[in-house]
Amino acid sequence: MHLTRIDEAKPYFPPEHHDMRCLRLQGHEAGPADLLWMGMSQLLPGGHTSLDASPMEKFYVVLEGEVTITSDSGVETLRQWDSCRIAPGEKRALKNDTNRPAAILLAMPFPGVKKD
């Protein structure tokens, strides 16, 4: 087992993430992982990402607050414990439109991981 305590999670700085603090929970520099990595983003009120696509599939779970997700298929507001999948190549933007902080969990495969 590999453990990452939240107090020891290291920040990472993805491009086009504004008024957000991103922490690596598993994978990459946070420790060993074979198929995917996990991160948590804390969004201040007004915090957001740009509308952009990635070649990798992404899964989001809102841990706290509300996060509005704009994608190729529309605009949805996710609340605590709601989740969504963003397909490879699908554009997405995240935004906290509230006056309270929000937190979202991200799970994403490593580049080169193939579906069976």
C-alpha atoms as a PDB file:
ATOM      1  CA  MET A   1       0.000   0.000   0.000  1.00  0.00           C
ATOM      2  CA  HIS A   2       1.156   3.530  -0.769  1.00  0.00           C
ATOM      3  CA  LEU A   3      -0.326   6.257   1.423  1.00  0.00           C
ATOM      4  CA  THR A   4      -0.532   9.997   0.762  1.00  0.00           C
ATOM      5  CA  ARG A   5      -1.713  12.087   3.696  1.00  0.00           C
ATOM      6  CA  ILE A   6      -3.526  15.250   2.624  1.00  0.00           C
ATOM      7  CA  ASP A   7      -1.175  17.337   4.774  1.00  0.00           C
ATOM      8  CA  GLU A   8       1.775  15.927   2.788  1.00  0.00           C
ATOM      9  CA  ALA A   9       0.249  16.099  -0.721  1.00  0.00           C
ATOM     10  CA  LYS A  10       2.401  18.175  -3.064  1.00  0.00           C
ATOM     11  CA  PRO A  11       0.971  20.897  -5.307  1.00  0.00           C
ATOM     12  CA  TYR A  12       1.212  20.747  -9.067  1.00  0.00           C
ATOM     13  CA  PHE A  13       0.573  23.574 -11.488  1.00  0.00           C
ATOM     14  CA  PRO A  14      -1.346  22.671 -14.648  1.00  0.00           C
ATOM     15  CA  PRO A  15      -1.616  25.387 -17.288  1.00  0.00           C
ATOM     16  CA  GLU A  16      -4.835  27.390 -17.670  1.00  0.00           C
ATOM     17  CA  HIS A  17      -6.012  26.717 -14.083  1.00  0.00           C
ATOM     18  CA  HIS A  18      -6.889  30.036 -12.406  1.00  0.00           C
ATOM     19  CA  ASP A  19      -7.588  30.656  -8.694  1.00  0.00           C
ATOM     20  CA  MET A  20      -7.134  26.938  -8.065  1.00  0.00           C
ATOM     21  CA  ARG A  21      -4.806  24.873  -5.907  1.00  0.00           C
ATOM     22  CA  CYS A  22      -4.079  21.426  -7.304  1.00  0.00           C
ATOM     23  CA  LEU A  23      -2.657  18.629  -5.159  1.00  0.00           C
ATOM     24  CA  ARG A  24      -1.290  15.307  -6.415  1.00  0.00           C
ATOM     25  CA  LEU A  25      -2.746  12.455  -4.363  1.00  0.00           C
ATOM     26  CA  GLN A  26      -1.455   9.351  -6.167  1.00  0.00           C
ATOM     27  CA  GLY A  27       0.790   8.661  -9.157  1.00  0.00           C
ATOM     28  CA  HIS A  28       3.505  10.793 -10.769  1.00  0.00           C
ATOM     29  CA  GLU A  29       5.639  12.373  -8.041  1.00  0.00           C
ATOM     30  CA  ALA A  30       3.107  11.310  -5.360  1.00  0.00           C
ATOM     31  CA  GLY A  31       4.131   7.671  -5.641  1.00  0.00           C
ATOM     32  CA  PRO A  32       3.855   4.485  -7.641  1.00  0.00           C
ATOM     33  CA  ALA A  33       0.883   3.813  -9.938  1.00  0.00           C
ATOM     34  CA  ASP A  34       0.461   1.595 -12.987  1.00  0.00           C
ATOM     35  CA  LEU A  35      -2.691   2.803 -14.741  1.00  0.00           C
ATOM     36  CA  LEU A  36      -3.885   6.158 -13.444  1.00  0.00           C
ATOM     37  CA  TRP A  37      -3.121   9.098 -11.228  1.00  0.00           C
ATOM     38  CA  MET A  38      -5.362  11.114  -8.906  1.00  0.00           C
ATOM     39  CA  GLY A  39      -5.414  14.746  -7.941  1.00  0.00           C
ATOM     40  CA  MET A  40      -7.609  17.125  -6.019  1.00  0.00           C
ATOM     41  CA  SER A  41      -8.311  20.682  -7.103  1.00  0.00           C
ATOM     42  CA  GLN A  42      -9.590  23.328  -4.735  1.00  0.00           C
ATOM     43  CA  LEU A  43     -11.409  26.114  -6.562  1.00  0.00           C
ATOM     44  CA  LEU A  44     -11.798  29.515  -4.958  1.00  0.00           C
ATOM     45  CA  PRO A  45     -14.965  31.443  -5.797  1.00  0.00           C
ATOM     46  CA  GLY A  46     -14.566  32.354  -9.471  1.00  0.00           C
ATOM     47  CA  GLY A  47     -11.787  29.775  -9.901  1.00  0.00           C
ATOM     48  CA  HIS A  48     -11.792  28.127 -13.302  1.00  0.00           C
ATOM     49  CA  THR A  49      -9.991  26.350 -16.110  1.00  0.00           C
ATOM     50  CA  SER A  50      -9.962  27.299 -19.766  1.00  0.00           C
ATOM     51  CA  LEU A  51     -12.138  25.370 -22.231  1.00  0.00           C
ATOM     52  CA  ASP A  52      -9.670  22.812 -23.541  1.00  0.00           C
ATOM     53  CA  ALA A  53      -9.431  19.174 -24.599  1.00  0.00           C
ATOM     54  CA  SER A  54      -7.013  16.442 -23.615  1.00  0.00           C
ATOM     55  CA  PRO A  55      -6.320  13.124 -25.336  1.00  0.00           C
ATOM     56  CA  MET A  56      -6.907  11.385 -22.009  1.00  0.00           C
ATOM     57  CA  GLU A  57     -10.195  10.338 -20.428  1.00  0.00           C
ATOM     58  CA  LYS A  58     -10.979  12.197 -17.167  1.00  0.00           C
ATOM     59  CA  PHE A  59     -13.246  11.404 -14.234  1.00  0.00           C
ATOM     60  CA  TYR A  60     -14.348  14.094 -11.772  1.00  0.00           C
ATOM     61  CA  VAL A  61     -16.085  13.774  -8.383  1.00  0.00           C
ATOM     62  CA  VAL A  62     -17.146  16.910  -6.510  1.00  0.00           C
ATOM     63  CA  LEU A  63     -16.024  16.532  -2.897  1.00  0.00           C
ATOM     64  CA  GLU A  64     -17.284  19.869  -1.610  1.00  0.00           C
ATOM     65  CA  GLY A  65     -19.292  22.784  -2.968  1.00  0.00           C
ATOM     66  CA  GLU A  66     -20.490  23.147  -6.559  1.00  0.00           C
ATOM     67  CA  VAL A  67     -18.539  23.062  -9.805  1.00  0.00           C
ATOM     68  CA  THR A  68     -19.996  24.014 -13.179  1.00  0.00           C
ATOM     69  CA  ILE A  69     -18.593  21.948 -16.029  1.00  0.00           C
ATOM     70  CA  THR A  70     -18.912  23.119 -19.611  1.00  0.00           C
ATOM     71  CA  SER A  71     -18.213  20.472 -22.234  1.00  0.00           C
ATOM     72  CA  ASP A  72     -18.977  19.623 -25.838  1.00  0.00           C
ATOM     73  CA  SER A  73     -22.288  18.177 -24.625  1.00  0.00           C
ATOM     74  CA  GLY A  74     -23.473  21.191 -22.609  1.00  0.00           C
ATOM     75  CA  VAL A  75     -23.255  22.859 -19.202  1.00  0.00           C
ATOM     76  CA  GLU A  76     -23.932  21.013 -15.941  1.00  0.00           C
ATOM     77  CA  THR A  77     -23.534  21.957 -12.293  1.00  0.00           C
ATOM     78  CA  LEU A  78     -22.175  19.153 -10.148  1.00  0.00           C
ATOM     79  CA  ARG A  79     -22.777  19.192  -6.417  1.00  0.00           C
ATOM     80  CA  GLN A  80     -21.214  17.190  -3.602  1.00  0.00           C
ATOM     81  CA  TRP A  81     -20.736  13.505  -4.581  1.00  0.00           C
ATOM     82  CA  ASP A  82     -21.868  14.082  -8.204  1.00  0.00           C
ATOM     83  CA  SER A  83     -19.449  12.780 -10.810  1.00  0.00           C
ATOM     84  CA  CYS A  84     -18.850  12.912 -14.545  1.00  0.00           C
ATOM     85  CA  ARG A  85     -16.653  11.453 -17.274  1.00  0.00           C
ATOM     86  CA  ILE A  86     -14.986  13.590 -19.921  1.00  0.00           C
ATOM     87  CA  ALA A  87     -14.155  11.545 -23.022  1.00  0.00           C
ATOM     88  CA  PRO A  88     -10.758  11.695 -24.718  1.00  0.00           C
ATOM     89  CA  GLY A  89     -10.668  14.767 -26.981  1.00  0.00           C
ATOM     90  CA  GLU A  90     -13.797  16.312 -25.412  1.00  0.00           C
ATOM     91  CA  LYS A  91     -13.368  19.961 -24.456  1.00  0.00           C
ATOM     92  CA  ARG A  92     -14.126  20.884 -20.854  1.00  0.00           C
ATOM     93  CA  ALA A  93     -13.979  23.894 -18.564  1.00  0.00           C
ATOM     94  CA  LEU A  94     -14.488  23.914 -14.800  1.00  0.00           C
ATOM     95  CA  LYS A  95     -15.756  26.921 -12.854  1.00  0.00           C
ATOM     96  CA  ASN A  96     -16.809  27.719  -9.315  1.00  0.00           C
ATOM     97  CA  ASP A  97     -19.688  30.178  -9.773  1.00  0.00           C
ATOM     98  CA  THR A  98     -20.470  30.344  -6.037  1.00  0.00           C
ATOM     99  CA  ASN A  99     -19.112  32.432  -3.169  1.00  0.00           C
ATOM    100  CA  ARG A 100     -17.848  29.314  -1.347  1.00  0.00           C
ATOM    101  CA  PRO A 101     -14.772  27.189  -2.036  1.00  0.00           C
ATOM    102  CA  ALA A 102     -15.215  23.930  -3.928  1.00  0.00           C
ATOM    103  CA  ALA A 103     -13.093  20.784  -4.190  1.00  0.00           C
ATOM    104  CA  ILE A 104     -13.039  18.236  -6.992  1.00  0.00           C
ATOM    105  CA  LEU A 105     -11.264  14.883  -7.302  1.00  0.00           C
ATOM    106  CA  LEU A 106      -9.686  14.014 -10.664  1.00  0.00           C
ATOM    107  CA  ALA A 107      -8.754  10.501 -11.806  1.00  0.00           C
ATOM    108  CA  MET A 108      -6.952  10.184 -15.136  1.00  0.00           C
ATOM    109  CA  PRO A 109      -4.987   7.402 -16.882  1.00  0.00           C
ATOM    110  CA  PHE A 110      -1.345   7.800 -17.740  1.00  0.00           C
ATOM    111  CA  PRO A 111      -0.551   8.516 -21.394  1.00  0.00           C
ATOM    112  CA  GLY A 112      -0.202   5.289 -23.341  1.00  0.00           C
ATOM    113  CA  VAL A 113      -2.553   3.241 -21.152  1.00  0.00           C
ATOM    114  CA  LYS A 114      -4.776   1.261 -23.549  1.00  0.00           C
ATOM    115  CA  LYS A 115      -8.291  -0.054 -23.046  1.00  0.00           C
ATOM    116  CA  ASP A 116      -8.684  -3.833 -23.184  1.00  0.00           C
END
